[in-house]
Amino acid sequence: MTNQTEKPPEEKKQNYMLMGIAIGMAIGIGIGLAMNNIAIGIGVGVGIGVAIGAGMEEEAKKKSK
């Protein structure tokens, strides 16, 4: 006899903010190396990454509706 109360598979929760920060850090390190100041590059990378992550998260929310 099969169980009629089976739950559907859970969706994988994506951590868009961390993905965005990883992308932004790659961009920021490049900017920092170009400016000969890696500290500025890290700050710029985090700033860009947060913006990218927030955009990715909003886009995912729109698609899930």
N, C-alpha and C. Protein backbone atom coordinates (compact mmCIF):
# COMPACT_ATOMS: atom_id res chain seq x y z
N MET A 1 0.84 -1.16 0.00
CA MET A 1 0.00 0.00 0.00
C MET A 1 0.90 1.24 0.00
N THR A 2 0.57 2.20 -0.85
CA THR A 2 1.40 3.41 -0.93
C THR A 2 0.89 4.48 0.01
N ASN A 3 1.77 5.32 0.39
CA ASN A 3 1.44 6.41 1.30
C ASN A 3 0.87 7.58 0.49
N GLN A 4 -0.37 7.96 0.75
CA GLN A 4 -1.02 9.02 -0.01
C GLN A 4 -0.61 10.42 0.46
N THR A 5 0.09 10.52 1.55
CA THR A 5 0.46 11.84 2.09
C THR A 5 1.92 12.17 1.80
N GLU A 6 2.43 11.72 0.67
CA GLU A 6 3.81 12.01 0.32
C GLU A 6 3.97 13.50 0.05
N LYS A 7 5.05 14.04 0.53
CA LYS A 7 5.33 15.46 0.32
C LYS A 7 6.04 15.63 -1.02
N PRO A 8 5.76 16.72 -1.72
CA PRO A 8 6.51 16.97 -2.95
C PRO A 8 7.96 17.29 -2.62
N PRO A 9 8.86 17.04 -3.56
CA PRO A 9 10.27 17.33 -3.27
C PRO A 9 10.45 18.82 -2.98
N GLU A 10 11.25 19.10 -1.97
CA GLU A 10 11.47 20.49 -1.59
C GLU A 10 12.35 21.18 -2.62
N GLU A 11 12.05 22.45 -2.86
CA GLU A 11 12.87 23.23 -3.78
C GLU A 11 14.19 23.57 -3.12
N LYS A 12 15.23 23.59 -3.91
CA LYS A 12 16.52 23.99 -3.38
C LYS A 12 16.51 25.50 -3.20
N LYS A 13 16.88 25.95 -2.02
CA LYS A 13 16.94 27.38 -1.77
C LYS A 13 18.30 27.90 -2.23
N GLN A 14 18.27 28.79 -3.17
CA GLN A 14 19.50 29.38 -3.68
C GLN A 14 19.91 30.55 -2.80
N ASN A 15 21.16 30.66 -2.53
CA ASN A 15 21.66 31.78 -1.76
C ASN A 15 22.23 32.80 -2.74
N TYR A 16 21.33 33.63 -3.26
CA TYR A 16 21.70 34.56 -4.31
C TYR A 16 22.66 35.64 -3.83
N MET A 17 22.55 36.04 -2.57
CA MET A 17 23.43 37.09 -2.07
C MET A 17 24.88 36.62 -2.06
N LEU A 18 25.14 35.39 -1.62
CA LEU A 18 26.51 34.88 -1.63
C LEU A 18 27.04 34.71 -3.05
N MET A 19 26.18 34.27 -3.96
CA MET A 19 26.59 34.14 -5.35
C MET A 19 26.94 35.50 -5.93
N GLY A 20 26.12 36.50 -5.62
CA GLY A 20 26.38 37.85 -6.11
C GLY A 20 27.67 38.42 -5.54
N ILE A 21 27.92 38.19 -4.26
CA ILE A 21 29.15 38.70 -3.66
C ILE A 21 30.37 38.01 -4.27
N ALA A 22 30.26 36.73 -4.57
CA ALA A 22 31.38 36.03 -5.22
C ALA A 22 31.68 36.63 -6.59
N ILE A 23 30.63 36.94 -7.35
CA ILE A 23 30.82 37.57 -8.67
C ILE A 23 31.41 38.97 -8.49
N GLY A 24 30.85 39.72 -7.55
CA GLY A 24 31.33 41.08 -7.31
C GLY A 24 32.77 41.12 -6.83
N MET A 25 33.16 40.15 -6.01
CA MET A 25 34.54 40.12 -5.52
C MET A 25 35.51 39.89 -6.68
N ALA A 26 35.14 39.05 -7.62
CA ALA A 26 36.00 38.83 -8.78
C ALA A 26 36.18 40.13 -9.57
N ILE A 27 35.09 40.86 -9.74
CA ILE A 27 35.17 42.15 -10.44
C ILE A 27 35.98 43.15 -9.61
N GLY A 28 35.71 43.20 -8.30
CA GLY A 28 36.39 44.14 -7.42
C GLY A 28 37.89 43.90 -7.31
N ILE A 29 38.29 42.66 -7.29
CA ILE A 29 39.73 42.35 -7.22
C ILE A 29 40.41 42.86 -8.49
N GLY A 30 39.75 42.67 -9.62
CA GLY A 30 40.31 43.20 -10.87
C GLY A 30 40.43 44.71 -10.83
N ILE A 31 39.42 45.38 -10.31
CA ILE A 31 39.47 46.84 -10.19
C ILE A 31 40.58 47.24 -9.23
N GLY A 32 40.68 46.54 -8.10
CA GLY A 32 41.72 46.84 -7.12
C GLY A 32 43.12 46.67 -7.67
N LEU A 33 43.33 45.62 -8.44
CA LEU A 33 44.65 45.40 -9.04
C LEU A 33 44.96 46.48 -10.07
N ALA A 34 43.95 46.90 -10.81
CA ALA A 34 44.16 47.96 -11.80
C ALA A 34 44.51 49.28 -11.13
N MET A 35 43.96 49.51 -9.94
CA MET A 35 44.21 50.76 -9.21
C MET A 35 45.39 50.66 -8.24
N ASN A 36 46.04 49.52 -8.19
CA ASN A 36 47.14 49.26 -7.25
C ASN A 36 46.72 49.44 -5.80
N ASN A 37 45.47 49.13 -5.49
CA ASN A 37 45.00 49.20 -4.11
C ASN A 37 43.95 48.12 -3.92
N ILE A 38 44.36 46.99 -3.42
CA ILE A 38 43.48 45.83 -3.29
C ILE A 38 42.38 46.08 -2.27
N ALA A 39 42.63 46.92 -1.26
CA ALA A 39 41.61 47.19 -0.24
C ALA A 39 40.40 47.88 -0.86
N ILE A 40 40.64 48.82 -1.74
CA ILE A 40 39.52 49.49 -2.43
C ILE A 40 38.78 48.47 -3.30
N GLY A 41 39.52 47.59 -3.95
CA GLY A 41 38.91 46.58 -4.81
C GLY A 41 37.98 45.65 -4.04
N ILE A 42 38.38 45.28 -2.82
CA ILE A 42 37.53 44.40 -2.02
C ILE A 42 36.24 45.12 -1.63
N GLY A 43 36.35 46.37 -1.23
CA GLY A 43 35.16 47.15 -0.88
C GLY A 43 34.23 47.34 -2.06
N VAL A 44 34.81 47.66 -3.20
CA VAL A 44 34.00 47.81 -4.42
C VAL A 44 33.35 46.48 -4.78
N GLY A 45 34.10 45.39 -4.64
CA GLY A 45 33.57 44.06 -4.97
C GLY A 45 32.40 43.67 -4.11
N VAL A 46 32.48 43.95 -2.82
CA VAL A 46 31.36 43.63 -1.93
C VAL A 46 30.14 44.49 -2.29
N GLY A 47 30.38 45.77 -2.57
CA GLY A 47 29.27 46.65 -2.95
C GLY A 47 28.59 46.20 -4.23
N ILE A 48 29.38 45.87 -5.23
CA ILE A 48 28.82 45.37 -6.49
C ILE A 48 28.13 44.04 -6.26
N GLY A 49 28.73 43.18 -5.46
CA GLY A 49 28.17 41.85 -5.20
C GLY A 49 26.82 41.89 -4.51
N VAL A 50 26.68 42.80 -3.55
CA VAL A 50 25.39 42.92 -2.86
C VAL A 50 24.31 43.37 -3.84
N ALA A 51 24.66 44.30 -4.72
CA ALA A 51 23.70 44.75 -5.72
C ALA A 51 23.32 43.63 -6.69
N ILE A 52 24.30 42.87 -7.13
CA ILE A 52 24.03 41.74 -8.04
C ILE A 52 23.17 40.69 -7.33
N GLY A 53 23.52 40.36 -6.10
CA GLY A 53 22.76 39.35 -5.34
C GLY A 53 21.33 39.77 -5.11
N ALA A 54 21.11 41.05 -4.77
CA ALA A 54 19.74 41.53 -4.56
C ALA A 54 18.94 41.46 -5.85
N GLY A 55 19.57 41.80 -6.95
CA GLY A 55 18.88 41.71 -8.24
C GLY A 55 18.53 40.29 -8.62
N MET A 56 19.45 39.36 -8.37
CA MET A 56 19.18 37.96 -8.66
C MET A 56 18.04 37.42 -7.80
N GLU A 57 18.01 37.84 -6.53
CA GLU A 57 16.98 37.37 -5.62
C GLU A 57 15.60 37.90 -6.03
N GLU A 58 15.53 39.17 -6.43
CA GLU A 58 14.26 39.74 -6.88
C GLU A 58 13.77 39.05 -8.15
N GLU A 59 14.69 38.77 -9.06
CA GLU A 59 14.32 38.10 -10.30
C GLU A 59 13.78 36.69 -10.02
N ALA A 60 14.40 36.00 -9.07
CA ALA A 60 13.93 34.65 -8.71
C ALA A 60 12.55 34.71 -8.08
N LYS A 61 12.29 35.74 -7.27
CA LYS A 61 10.96 35.88 -6.65
C LYS A 61 9.90 36.12 -7.72
N LYS A 62 10.23 36.92 -8.73
CA LYS A 62 9.27 37.19 -9.81
C LYS A 62 8.96 35.92 -10.60
N LYS A 63 9.98 35.12 -10.86
CA LYS A 63 9.79 33.89 -11.63
C LYS A 63 9.01 32.84 -10.86
N SER A 64 9.13 32.86 -9.52
CA SER A 64 8.47 31.82 -8.73
C SER A 64 6.97 32.09 -8.55
N LYS A 65 6.54 33.30 -8.82
CA LYS A 65 5.12 33.63 -8.65
C LYS A 65 4.28 33.17 -9.79
